[in-house]
N, C-alpha and C. Protein backbone atom coordinates (compact mmCIF):
# COMPACT_ATOMS: atom_id res chain seq x y z
N MET A 1 0.82 -1.21 0.00
CA MET A 1 0.00 0.00 0.00
C MET A 1 0.86 1.26 0.00
N GLU A 2 1.90 1.28 0.86
CA GLU A 2 2.77 2.46 0.93
C GLU A 2 3.47 2.72 -0.40
N GLN A 3 3.87 1.62 -1.09
CA GLN A 3 4.54 1.78 -2.38
C GLN A 3 3.57 2.36 -3.41
N LYS A 4 2.31 1.91 -3.38
CA LYS A 4 1.32 2.42 -4.32
C LYS A 4 1.08 3.90 -4.09
N ILE A 5 1.00 4.31 -2.82
CA ILE A 5 0.82 5.72 -2.50
C ILE A 5 2.03 6.53 -2.95
N ALA A 6 3.23 5.97 -2.75
CA ALA A 6 4.45 6.65 -3.18
C ALA A 6 4.48 6.82 -4.69
N ASP A 7 4.00 5.80 -5.42
CA ASP A 7 3.95 5.89 -6.87
C ASP A 7 3.00 6.99 -7.32
N ILE A 8 1.87 7.11 -6.65
CA ILE A 8 0.89 8.15 -6.98
C ILE A 8 1.49 9.53 -6.71
N GLN A 9 2.16 9.66 -5.57
CA GLN A 9 2.78 10.93 -5.23
C GLN A 9 3.87 11.31 -6.24
N ASP A 10 4.58 10.28 -6.74
CA ASP A 10 5.63 10.52 -7.73
C ASP A 10 5.05 11.06 -9.03
N VAL A 11 3.92 10.50 -9.46
CA VAL A 11 3.26 10.99 -10.67
C VAL A 11 2.85 12.44 -10.50
N ILE A 12 2.26 12.75 -9.35
CA ILE A 12 1.84 14.13 -9.09
C ILE A 12 3.05 15.07 -9.10
N ALA A 13 4.14 14.65 -8.45
CA ALA A 13 5.33 15.49 -8.36
C ALA A 13 5.93 15.74 -9.75
N ARG A 14 5.91 14.72 -10.60
CA ARG A 14 6.47 14.88 -11.95
C ARG A 14 5.59 15.77 -12.82
N GLU A 15 4.27 15.68 -12.63
CA GLU A 15 3.37 16.59 -13.35
C GLU A 15 3.60 18.03 -12.91
N ILE A 16 3.75 18.24 -11.61
CA ILE A 16 4.02 19.58 -11.08
C ILE A 16 5.32 20.13 -11.64
N LYS A 17 6.34 19.27 -11.72
CA LYS A 17 7.63 19.69 -12.27
C LYS A 17 7.47 20.14 -13.71
N GLY A 18 6.64 19.40 -14.46
CA GLY A 18 6.39 19.78 -15.84
C GLY A 18 5.79 21.18 -15.95
N ILE A 19 4.84 21.47 -15.06
CA ILE A 19 4.22 22.80 -15.05
C ILE A 19 5.24 23.87 -14.68
N GLN A 20 6.06 23.57 -13.68
CA GLN A 20 7.05 24.55 -13.22
C GLN A 20 8.12 24.83 -14.27
N ASN A 21 8.30 23.91 -15.21
CA ASN A 21 9.31 24.09 -16.25
C ASN A 21 8.79 24.82 -17.49
N ILE A 22 7.51 25.22 -17.47
CA ILE A 22 6.99 25.99 -18.60
C ILE A 22 7.78 27.30 -18.72
N PRO A 23 8.35 27.59 -19.87
CA PRO A 23 9.09 28.84 -20.02
C PRO A 23 8.15 30.05 -19.90
N VAL A 24 8.40 30.89 -18.94
CA VAL A 24 7.59 32.10 -18.76
C VAL A 24 8.40 33.26 -19.31
N ASP A 25 8.05 33.66 -20.53
CA ASP A 25 8.82 34.71 -21.19
C ASP A 25 7.88 35.61 -21.99
N SER A 26 8.47 36.48 -22.79
CA SER A 26 7.69 37.50 -23.51
C SER A 26 6.77 36.90 -24.57
N THR A 27 7.05 35.68 -25.03
CA THR A 27 6.21 35.12 -26.08
C THR A 27 4.77 34.91 -25.61
N ILE A 28 4.58 34.58 -24.34
CA ILE A 28 3.22 34.41 -23.82
C ILE A 28 2.49 35.75 -23.85
N VAL A 29 3.17 36.79 -23.40
CA VAL A 29 2.58 38.14 -23.41
C VAL A 29 2.26 38.57 -24.83
N GLU A 30 3.17 38.28 -25.75
CA GLU A 30 2.96 38.65 -27.16
C GLU A 30 1.77 37.90 -27.76
N ALA A 31 1.62 36.62 -27.40
CA ALA A 31 0.49 35.83 -27.91
C ALA A 31 -0.83 36.38 -27.41
N ILE A 32 -0.88 36.73 -26.14
CA ILE A 32 -2.10 37.30 -25.56
C ILE A 32 -2.45 38.62 -26.24
N GLU A 33 -1.45 39.45 -26.47
CA GLU A 33 -1.68 40.75 -27.11
C GLU A 33 -2.15 40.56 -28.56
N LEU A 34 -1.56 39.59 -29.27
CA LEU A 34 -1.95 39.35 -30.64
C LEU A 34 -3.39 38.87 -30.73
N ILE A 35 -3.77 37.96 -29.84
CA ILE A 35 -5.16 37.49 -29.80
C ILE A 35 -6.10 38.64 -29.48
N TYR A 36 -5.72 39.46 -28.52
CA TYR A 36 -6.55 40.61 -28.14
C TYR A 36 -6.76 41.55 -29.32
N GLN A 37 -5.69 41.84 -30.04
CA GLN A 37 -5.79 42.77 -31.16
C GLN A 37 -6.68 42.21 -32.27
N GLU A 38 -6.45 40.97 -32.66
CA GLU A 38 -7.21 40.39 -33.77
C GLU A 38 -8.67 40.16 -33.43
N VAL A 39 -8.93 39.72 -32.21
CA VAL A 39 -10.29 39.37 -31.82
C VAL A 39 -11.05 40.58 -31.27
N HIS A 40 -10.49 41.22 -30.27
CA HIS A 40 -11.24 42.27 -29.56
C HIS A 40 -11.11 43.65 -30.19
N GLN A 41 -10.08 43.86 -31.00
CA GLN A 41 -9.93 45.14 -31.67
C GLN A 41 -10.40 45.09 -33.13
N HIS A 42 -10.23 43.93 -33.78
CA HIS A 42 -10.54 43.84 -35.20
C HIS A 42 -11.73 42.94 -35.52
N GLY A 43 -12.34 42.34 -34.50
CA GLY A 43 -13.56 41.59 -34.71
C GLY A 43 -13.40 40.17 -35.23
N GLY A 44 -12.22 39.59 -35.08
CA GLY A 44 -12.00 38.21 -35.50
C GLY A 44 -12.36 37.22 -34.40
N LYS A 45 -11.90 36.00 -34.57
CA LYS A 45 -12.09 34.96 -33.54
C LYS A 45 -10.85 34.08 -33.51
N VAL A 46 -10.72 33.31 -32.45
CA VAL A 46 -9.62 32.36 -32.35
C VAL A 46 -10.06 31.04 -32.96
N VAL A 47 -9.30 30.55 -33.92
CA VAL A 47 -9.58 29.25 -34.54
C VAL A 47 -8.53 28.28 -34.02
N VAL A 48 -8.95 27.40 -33.12
CA VAL A 48 -8.03 26.47 -32.47
C VAL A 48 -8.05 25.15 -33.21
N SER A 49 -6.87 24.55 -33.39
CA SER A 49 -6.81 23.27 -34.08
C SER A 49 -5.70 22.40 -33.51
N GLY A 50 -5.98 21.11 -33.45
CA GLY A 50 -5.01 20.12 -33.00
C GLY A 50 -5.56 18.75 -33.33
N LEU A 51 -4.70 17.76 -33.28
CA LEU A 51 -5.10 16.40 -33.63
C LEU A 51 -4.82 15.47 -32.45
N GLY A 52 -5.66 14.46 -32.28
CA GLY A 52 -5.45 13.50 -31.20
C GLY A 52 -5.66 14.15 -29.84
N LYS A 53 -4.80 13.79 -28.88
CA LYS A 53 -4.93 14.32 -27.53
C LYS A 53 -4.74 15.83 -27.51
N ALA A 54 -3.82 16.35 -28.33
CA ALA A 54 -3.64 17.80 -28.42
C ALA A 54 -4.90 18.46 -28.93
N GLY A 55 -5.60 17.79 -29.83
CA GLY A 55 -6.86 18.32 -30.33
C GLY A 55 -7.91 18.40 -29.25
N GLN A 56 -7.95 17.39 -28.37
CA GLN A 56 -8.90 17.42 -27.26
C GLN A 56 -8.62 18.59 -26.32
N ILE A 57 -7.34 18.85 -26.07
CA ILE A 57 -6.97 20.01 -25.26
C ILE A 57 -7.35 21.29 -25.99
N GLY A 58 -7.11 21.32 -27.29
CA GLY A 58 -7.47 22.49 -28.09
C GLY A 58 -8.95 22.77 -28.07
N HIS A 59 -9.76 21.72 -28.12
CA HIS A 59 -11.22 21.89 -28.06
C HIS A 59 -11.61 22.53 -26.73
N ASN A 60 -10.98 22.09 -25.66
CA ASN A 60 -11.26 22.65 -24.34
C ASN A 60 -10.86 24.13 -24.27
N ILE A 61 -9.71 24.45 -24.84
CA ILE A 61 -9.26 25.85 -24.85
C ILE A 61 -10.24 26.72 -25.63
N ALA A 62 -10.69 26.22 -26.77
CA ALA A 62 -11.62 26.99 -27.60
C ALA A 62 -12.92 27.26 -26.87
N THR A 63 -13.50 26.23 -26.26
CA THR A 63 -14.78 26.43 -25.58
C THR A 63 -14.63 27.29 -24.33
N THR A 64 -13.50 27.20 -23.66
CA THR A 64 -13.27 28.03 -22.48
C THR A 64 -13.09 29.49 -22.87
N LEU A 65 -12.36 29.74 -23.95
CA LEU A 65 -12.24 31.11 -24.46
C LEU A 65 -13.61 31.68 -24.80
N ALA A 66 -14.40 30.89 -25.54
CA ALA A 66 -15.71 31.37 -25.98
C ALA A 66 -16.62 31.69 -24.80
N SER A 67 -16.53 30.90 -23.75
CA SER A 67 -17.41 31.10 -22.59
C SER A 67 -16.95 32.24 -21.69
N THR A 68 -15.75 32.77 -21.96
CA THR A 68 -15.23 33.85 -21.13
C THR A 68 -14.98 35.13 -21.92
N GLY A 69 -15.70 35.29 -23.02
CA GLY A 69 -15.70 36.57 -23.71
C GLY A 69 -14.80 36.72 -24.90
N THR A 70 -14.04 35.67 -25.25
CA THR A 70 -13.18 35.73 -26.43
C THR A 70 -13.70 34.73 -27.45
N PRO A 71 -14.40 35.18 -28.51
CA PRO A 71 -14.97 34.27 -29.49
C PRO A 71 -13.92 33.30 -30.04
N ALA A 72 -14.26 32.01 -30.02
CA ALA A 72 -13.32 30.98 -30.47
C ALA A 72 -14.09 29.76 -30.94
N VAL A 73 -13.50 29.03 -31.87
CA VAL A 73 -14.07 27.78 -32.36
C VAL A 73 -12.95 26.76 -32.50
N PHE A 74 -13.31 25.48 -32.48
CA PHE A 74 -12.34 24.43 -32.75
C PHE A 74 -12.52 23.96 -34.18
N LEU A 75 -11.44 23.87 -34.91
CA LEU A 75 -11.45 23.41 -36.30
C LEU A 75 -10.63 22.12 -36.37
N HIS A 76 -11.29 21.01 -36.72
CA HIS A 76 -10.55 19.76 -36.86
C HIS A 76 -9.67 19.85 -38.10
N PRO A 77 -8.37 19.58 -37.97
CA PRO A 77 -7.47 19.81 -39.10
C PRO A 77 -7.75 18.93 -40.31
N THR A 78 -8.30 17.73 -40.09
CA THR A 78 -8.63 16.88 -41.23
C THR A 78 -9.90 17.38 -41.93
N GLU A 79 -10.92 17.70 -41.13
CA GLU A 79 -12.16 18.22 -41.71
C GLU A 79 -11.93 19.54 -42.43
N ALA A 80 -10.90 20.28 -42.00
CA ALA A 80 -10.59 21.55 -42.66
C ALA A 80 -10.28 21.34 -44.13
N GLN A 81 -9.69 20.18 -44.46
CA GLN A 81 -9.34 19.90 -45.84
C GLN A 81 -10.52 19.38 -46.65
N HIS A 82 -11.66 19.26 -46.00
CA HIS A 82 -12.87 18.77 -46.68
C HIS A 82 -14.01 19.78 -46.55
N GLY A 83 -13.64 21.06 -46.54
CA GLY A 83 -14.65 22.12 -46.58
C GLY A 83 -14.75 22.99 -45.35
N ASP A 84 -14.36 22.44 -44.17
CA ASP A 84 -14.52 23.22 -42.94
C ASP A 84 -13.56 24.40 -42.86
N LEU A 85 -12.59 24.46 -43.76
CA LEU A 85 -11.69 25.62 -43.81
C LEU A 85 -12.47 26.91 -44.00
N GLY A 86 -13.67 26.76 -44.54
CA GLY A 86 -14.51 27.93 -44.78
C GLY A 86 -14.96 28.66 -43.52
N ILE A 87 -14.71 28.08 -42.37
CA ILE A 87 -15.08 28.75 -41.11
C ILE A 87 -14.16 29.93 -40.82
N ILE A 88 -12.99 29.95 -41.46
CA ILE A 88 -12.01 31.00 -41.22
C ILE A 88 -12.42 32.29 -41.93
N GLN A 89 -12.31 33.40 -41.21
CA GLN A 89 -12.64 34.72 -41.74
C GLN A 89 -11.48 35.68 -41.54
N LYS A 90 -11.60 36.83 -42.18
CA LYS A 90 -10.59 37.87 -42.04
C LYS A 90 -10.47 38.28 -40.57
N HIS A 91 -9.25 38.49 -40.12
CA HIS A 91 -8.91 38.89 -38.75
C HIS A 91 -9.02 37.76 -37.74
N ASP A 92 -9.37 36.54 -38.19
CA ASP A 92 -9.26 35.40 -37.28
C ASP A 92 -7.78 35.15 -36.98
N ILE A 93 -7.52 34.43 -35.91
CA ILE A 93 -6.15 34.06 -35.57
C ILE A 93 -6.12 32.56 -35.32
N LEU A 94 -5.17 31.88 -35.93
CA LEU A 94 -5.03 30.44 -35.76
C LEU A 94 -4.22 30.14 -34.50
N PHE A 95 -4.71 29.19 -33.72
CA PHE A 95 -4.01 28.73 -32.51
C PHE A 95 -3.81 27.23 -32.71
N LEU A 96 -2.59 26.83 -33.05
CA LEU A 96 -2.31 25.48 -33.50
C LEU A 96 -1.52 24.70 -32.45
N LEU A 97 -2.03 23.52 -32.08
CA LEU A 97 -1.41 22.70 -31.05
C LEU A 97 -0.80 21.43 -31.65
N SER A 98 0.44 21.17 -31.31
CA SER A 98 1.10 19.92 -31.69
C SER A 98 2.29 19.73 -30.77
N ASN A 99 2.25 18.68 -29.96
CA ASN A 99 3.35 18.45 -29.02
C ASN A 99 4.66 18.23 -29.77
N SER A 100 4.60 17.46 -30.84
CA SER A 100 5.83 17.17 -31.60
C SER A 100 6.26 18.34 -32.47
N GLY A 101 5.29 19.19 -32.83
CA GLY A 101 5.59 20.26 -33.78
C GLY A 101 5.73 19.75 -35.19
N LYS A 102 5.34 18.47 -35.40
CA LYS A 102 5.49 17.84 -36.71
C LYS A 102 4.19 17.26 -37.26
N THR A 103 3.08 17.45 -36.57
CA THR A 103 1.82 16.84 -36.99
C THR A 103 1.44 17.32 -38.39
N ARG A 104 1.40 16.38 -39.34
CA ARG A 104 1.24 16.72 -40.74
C ARG A 104 -0.01 17.56 -41.01
N GLU A 105 -1.14 17.15 -40.45
CA GLU A 105 -2.39 17.85 -40.72
C GLU A 105 -2.36 19.29 -40.21
N ILE A 106 -1.65 19.52 -39.11
CA ILE A 106 -1.52 20.88 -38.56
C ILE A 106 -0.58 21.71 -39.44
N LEU A 107 0.51 21.09 -39.87
CA LEU A 107 1.45 21.80 -40.73
C LEU A 107 0.81 22.18 -42.07
N GLU A 108 -0.11 21.35 -42.55
CA GLU A 108 -0.79 21.64 -43.81
C GLU A 108 -1.87 22.70 -43.66
N LEU A 109 -2.41 22.83 -42.45
CA LEU A 109 -3.52 23.76 -42.23
C LEU A 109 -3.11 25.22 -42.42
N LEU A 110 -1.95 25.58 -41.93
CA LEU A 110 -1.54 26.98 -41.97
C LEU A 110 -1.40 27.51 -43.40
N PRO A 111 -0.69 26.83 -44.31
CA PRO A 111 -0.62 27.36 -45.68
C PRO A 111 -1.97 27.37 -46.38
N LEU A 112 -2.84 26.42 -46.05
CA LEU A 112 -4.18 26.43 -46.64
C LEU A 112 -4.96 27.65 -46.18
N ALA A 113 -4.83 27.99 -44.90
CA ALA A 113 -5.50 29.18 -44.37
C ALA A 113 -4.92 30.44 -45.00
N ARG A 114 -3.62 30.44 -45.24
CA ARG A 114 -2.98 31.61 -45.83
C ARG A 114 -3.35 31.79 -47.31
N ARG A 115 -3.79 30.73 -47.95
CA ARG A 115 -4.29 30.87 -49.31
C ARG A 115 -5.59 31.68 -49.31
N LEU A 116 -6.39 31.51 -48.27
CA LEU A 116 -7.62 32.28 -48.13
C LEU A 116 -7.34 33.70 -47.69
N PHE A 117 -6.51 33.81 -46.65
CA PHE A 117 -6.20 35.12 -46.06
C PHE A 117 -4.70 35.20 -45.82
N PRO A 118 -3.95 35.75 -46.78
CA PRO A 118 -2.48 35.76 -46.69
C PRO A 118 -1.93 36.41 -45.43
N ASP A 119 -2.69 37.32 -44.82
CA ASP A 119 -2.19 38.04 -43.65
C ASP A 119 -2.66 37.44 -42.33
N ILE A 120 -3.28 36.27 -42.36
CA ILE A 120 -3.79 35.69 -41.13
C ILE A 120 -2.66 35.45 -40.13
N LYS A 121 -2.92 35.75 -38.87
CA LYS A 121 -1.92 35.59 -37.82
C LYS A 121 -2.06 34.20 -37.19
N SER A 122 -0.96 33.76 -36.57
CA SER A 122 -0.97 32.41 -36.00
C SER A 122 -0.12 32.32 -34.75
N VAL A 123 -0.58 31.46 -33.84
CA VAL A 123 0.15 31.14 -32.61
C VAL A 123 0.28 29.62 -32.55
N GLY A 124 1.46 29.13 -32.25
CA GLY A 124 1.68 27.70 -32.10
C GLY A 124 1.91 27.36 -30.64
N LEU A 125 1.53 26.16 -30.26
CA LEU A 125 1.77 25.65 -28.90
C LEU A 125 2.34 24.25 -29.05
N THR A 126 3.60 24.08 -28.65
CA THR A 126 4.28 22.83 -28.92
C THR A 126 5.35 22.51 -27.87
N GLY A 127 5.70 21.26 -27.80
CA GLY A 127 6.79 20.83 -26.93
C GLY A 127 8.13 20.92 -27.61
N HIS A 128 8.11 21.21 -28.92
CA HIS A 128 9.35 21.28 -29.70
C HIS A 128 9.32 22.49 -30.64
N PRO A 129 9.57 23.67 -30.10
CA PRO A 129 9.49 24.89 -30.92
C PRO A 129 10.52 24.92 -32.04
N GLU A 130 11.54 24.06 -31.97
CA GLU A 130 12.55 24.04 -33.02
C GLU A 130 12.09 23.28 -34.26
N HIS A 131 10.98 22.55 -34.14
CA HIS A 131 10.47 21.79 -35.28
C HIS A 131 9.60 22.67 -36.19
N GLU A 132 9.00 22.05 -37.21
CA GLU A 132 8.37 22.80 -38.29
C GLU A 132 7.33 23.82 -37.83
N LEU A 133 6.44 23.41 -36.92
CA LEU A 133 5.38 24.32 -36.50
C LEU A 133 5.95 25.61 -35.92
N GLY A 134 6.99 25.48 -35.11
CA GLY A 134 7.59 26.65 -34.48
C GLY A 134 8.17 27.64 -35.47
N THR A 135 8.60 27.15 -36.62
CA THR A 135 9.19 28.03 -37.63
C THR A 135 8.15 28.65 -38.55
N MET A 136 6.92 28.10 -38.53
CA MET A 136 5.88 28.55 -39.45
C MET A 136 4.97 29.62 -38.87
N VAL A 137 4.76 29.59 -37.56
CA VAL A 137 3.78 30.49 -36.94
C VAL A 137 4.41 31.85 -36.62
N ASP A 138 3.55 32.83 -36.34
CA ASP A 138 4.04 34.17 -35.98
C ASP A 138 4.63 34.17 -34.57
N ILE A 139 3.96 33.46 -33.66
CA ILE A 139 4.44 33.37 -32.29
C ILE A 139 4.36 31.92 -31.85
N CYS A 140 5.42 31.40 -31.25
CA CYS A 140 5.43 30.00 -30.81
C CYS A 140 5.58 29.92 -29.30
N LEU A 141 4.63 29.25 -28.67
CA LEU A 141 4.69 29.02 -27.22
C LEU A 141 5.27 27.64 -26.97
N SER A 142 6.24 27.57 -26.09
CA SER A 142 6.88 26.31 -25.76
C SER A 142 6.36 25.77 -24.43
N THR A 143 6.13 24.46 -24.39
CA THR A 143 5.70 23.84 -23.13
C THR A 143 6.87 23.43 -22.25
N GLY A 144 8.09 23.60 -22.75
CA GLY A 144 9.25 23.34 -21.91
C GLY A 144 9.77 21.91 -21.96
N TYR A 145 9.53 21.21 -23.04
CA TYR A 145 10.02 19.84 -23.22
C TYR A 145 9.63 18.92 -22.05
N PRO A 146 8.36 18.84 -21.73
CA PRO A 146 7.95 18.01 -20.58
C PRO A 146 8.17 16.52 -20.83
N LYS A 147 8.58 15.81 -19.80
CA LYS A 147 8.72 14.36 -19.90
C LYS A 147 7.41 13.71 -19.46
N GLU A 148 6.90 12.82 -20.30
CA GLU A 148 5.63 12.17 -19.99
C GLU A 148 5.76 11.29 -18.74
N VAL A 149 4.73 11.30 -17.90
CA VAL A 149 4.73 10.43 -16.73
C VAL A 149 4.36 8.99 -17.11
N CYS A 150 3.88 8.80 -18.32
CA CYS A 150 3.61 7.47 -18.84
C CYS A 150 4.86 6.61 -18.69
N PRO A 151 4.75 5.39 -18.14
CA PRO A 151 5.94 4.55 -17.95
C PRO A 151 6.66 4.20 -19.24
N LEU A 152 5.96 4.31 -20.38
CA LEU A 152 6.58 4.06 -21.67
C LEU A 152 7.22 5.33 -22.24
N GLY A 153 6.88 6.46 -21.64
CA GLY A 153 7.36 7.74 -22.15
C GLY A 153 6.71 8.14 -23.45
N LEU A 154 5.53 7.57 -23.74
CA LEU A 154 4.86 7.79 -25.02
C LEU A 154 3.50 8.45 -24.90
N THR A 155 2.66 7.96 -24.00
CA THR A 155 1.28 8.43 -23.89
C THR A 155 1.24 9.91 -23.49
N PRO A 156 0.51 10.74 -24.24
CA PRO A 156 0.39 12.16 -23.84
C PRO A 156 -0.22 12.28 -22.45
N THR A 157 0.58 12.72 -21.52
CA THR A 157 0.16 12.88 -20.12
C THR A 157 0.63 14.25 -19.63
N THR A 158 1.89 14.35 -19.29
CA THR A 158 2.43 15.64 -18.84
C THR A 158 2.34 16.69 -19.95
N SER A 159 2.53 16.26 -21.19
CA SER A 159 2.48 17.22 -22.31
C SER A 159 1.11 17.86 -22.43
N THR A 160 0.05 17.09 -22.21
CA THR A 160 -1.29 17.66 -22.29
C THR A 160 -1.62 18.50 -21.06
N THR A 161 -1.01 18.14 -19.93
CA THR A 161 -1.19 18.94 -18.71
C THR A 161 -0.65 20.35 -18.92
N VAL A 162 0.57 20.44 -19.43
CA VAL A 162 1.18 21.77 -19.60
C VAL A 162 0.49 22.56 -20.71
N MET A 163 -0.02 21.89 -21.74
CA MET A 163 -0.81 22.59 -22.76
C MET A 163 -2.05 23.20 -22.14
N THR A 164 -2.70 22.44 -21.26
CA THR A 164 -3.90 22.94 -20.57
C THR A 164 -3.57 24.16 -19.73
N VAL A 165 -2.45 24.10 -19.02
CA VAL A 165 -2.05 25.23 -18.16
C VAL A 165 -1.79 26.47 -18.99
N LEU A 166 -1.08 26.33 -20.11
CA LEU A 166 -0.82 27.49 -20.97
C LEU A 166 -2.12 28.04 -21.54
N GLY A 167 -3.05 27.14 -21.87
CA GLY A 167 -4.36 27.60 -22.32
C GLY A 167 -5.07 28.39 -21.23
N ASP A 168 -4.98 27.91 -20.00
CA ASP A 168 -5.61 28.61 -18.87
C ASP A 168 -4.99 29.99 -18.67
N ILE A 169 -3.68 30.08 -18.84
CA ILE A 169 -2.99 31.37 -18.70
C ILE A 169 -3.55 32.37 -19.70
N ILE A 170 -3.72 31.92 -20.94
CA ILE A 170 -4.25 32.81 -21.98
C ILE A 170 -5.69 33.20 -21.67
N VAL A 171 -6.50 32.24 -21.26
CA VAL A 171 -7.91 32.52 -20.92
C VAL A 171 -8.00 33.55 -19.80
N VAL A 172 -7.30 33.30 -18.71
CA VAL A 172 -7.38 34.20 -17.54
C VAL A 172 -6.84 35.58 -17.88
N SER A 173 -5.73 35.63 -18.62
CA SER A 173 -5.14 36.92 -18.99
C SER A 173 -6.08 37.74 -19.85
N LEU A 174 -6.76 37.10 -20.80
CA LEU A 174 -7.71 37.81 -21.66
C LEU A 174 -8.93 38.27 -20.86
N MET A 175 -9.40 37.44 -19.93
CA MET A 175 -10.52 37.86 -19.08
C MET A 175 -10.19 39.15 -18.34
N LYS A 176 -8.98 39.23 -17.81
CA LYS A 176 -8.55 40.43 -17.09
C LYS A 176 -8.40 41.61 -18.05
N LYS A 177 -7.86 41.33 -19.23
CA LYS A 177 -7.58 42.41 -20.20
C LYS A 177 -8.86 43.05 -20.72
N ILE A 178 -9.92 42.25 -20.90
CA ILE A 178 -11.18 42.80 -21.42
C ILE A 178 -12.15 43.17 -20.30
N GLY A 179 -11.76 42.95 -19.06
CA GLY A 179 -12.64 43.29 -17.93
C GLY A 179 -13.89 42.43 -17.90
N PHE A 180 -13.74 41.13 -18.14
CA PHE A 180 -14.88 40.21 -18.21
C PHE A 180 -15.52 40.07 -16.83
N THR A 181 -16.84 40.31 -16.74
CA THR A 181 -17.54 40.35 -15.47
C THR A 181 -18.39 39.11 -15.22
N LYS A 182 -18.84 38.98 -13.99
CA LYS A 182 -19.73 37.88 -13.63
C LYS A 182 -21.05 37.98 -14.39
N GLN A 183 -21.50 39.19 -14.63
CA GLN A 183 -22.73 39.40 -15.39
C GLN A 183 -22.56 38.93 -16.84
N ALA A 184 -21.40 39.23 -17.43
CA ALA A 184 -21.12 38.78 -18.79
C ALA A 184 -21.02 37.26 -18.84
N TYR A 185 -20.46 36.69 -17.79
CA TYR A 185 -20.37 35.22 -17.70
C TYR A 185 -21.76 34.61 -17.66
N ALA A 186 -22.65 35.22 -16.86
CA ALA A 186 -24.02 34.71 -16.72
C ALA A 186 -24.77 34.74 -18.06
N MET A 187 -24.48 35.74 -18.89
CA MET A 187 -25.15 35.85 -20.18
C MET A 187 -24.77 34.71 -21.12
N ARG A 188 -23.64 34.08 -20.86
CA ARG A 188 -23.17 32.98 -21.70
C ARG A 188 -23.44 31.61 -21.07
N HIS A 189 -23.97 31.61 -19.85
CA HIS A 189 -24.24 30.34 -19.14
C HIS A 189 -25.67 30.37 -18.62
N HIS A 190 -26.61 30.02 -19.47
CA HIS A 190 -28.01 30.10 -19.09
C HIS A 190 -28.41 28.99 -18.13
N SER A 191 -27.88 27.78 -18.35
CA SER A 191 -28.31 26.62 -17.57
C SER A 191 -27.15 25.99 -16.80
N GLY A 192 -27.48 25.01 -15.99
CA GLY A 192 -26.48 24.26 -15.26
C GLY A 192 -26.03 24.94 -13.99
N TYR A 193 -25.16 24.26 -13.28
CA TYR A 193 -24.67 24.74 -11.99
C TYR A 193 -23.97 26.09 -12.12
N LEU A 194 -23.05 26.21 -13.12
CA LEU A 194 -22.33 27.47 -13.28
C LEU A 194 -23.27 28.60 -13.69
N GLY A 195 -24.28 28.27 -14.49
CA GLY A 195 -25.26 29.28 -14.87
C GLY A 195 -25.99 29.83 -13.66
N GLN A 196 -26.40 28.94 -12.81
CA GLN A 196 -27.11 29.36 -11.59
C GLN A 196 -26.19 30.13 -10.65
N LYS A 197 -24.97 29.64 -10.50
CA LYS A 197 -24.01 30.29 -9.59
C LYS A 197 -23.65 31.69 -10.07
N SER A 198 -23.50 31.86 -11.39
CA SER A 198 -23.14 33.17 -11.92
C SER A 198 -24.27 34.18 -11.78
N LYS A 199 -25.52 33.69 -11.65
CA LYS A 199 -26.66 34.59 -11.50
C LYS A 199 -27.04 34.80 -10.05
N SER A 200 -26.36 34.13 -9.14
CA SER A 200 -26.80 34.11 -7.74
C SER A 200 -26.83 35.46 -7.06
N ASP A 201 -25.93 36.37 -7.48
CA ASP A 201 -25.85 37.67 -6.82
C ASP A 201 -26.53 38.76 -7.63
N GLU A 202 -27.21 38.37 -8.73
CA GLU A 202 -27.86 39.39 -9.54
C GLU A 202 -29.15 39.88 -8.88
């Protein structure tokens, strides 16, 4: 029993270490400012895309942004090549997730979007900023080369944790920047526990 508890504590400690190793530098501030300018100043939206586990994290980031005052949608990179690319509009900003920085469908998405709108801005989120994605986007956020807690070192675990944290940083920073209020939150959450809680003091 003690060994099992120690193993659990080790997983938690390694996940925490991954979060603590996220590079906190000017690129995060620049990404937040770029999103703010394109979305809140120019009327665009954040188009988030990723594949596999990174895509699931991307979907969460998109819906959390949308629910907190920053219009955002998730675009599946494969479906984008079968017509869904049409969701992209002028002044949108692409937010592309790939832990490896080599995901083919993500790498193909950016030039396809630029065929529609040559000036479209982009932010990448990856564990390997030196790979292709990092060289293609306007701003690249690094997760700090996290080591997966998976015993095989393969299953996305710590890498998706740090992606989630960076997404949360962007969400919270934008909420503060636009002065997002509890009343505005309530307008976007009509039902459910959070909907009721956000209306409780009205």
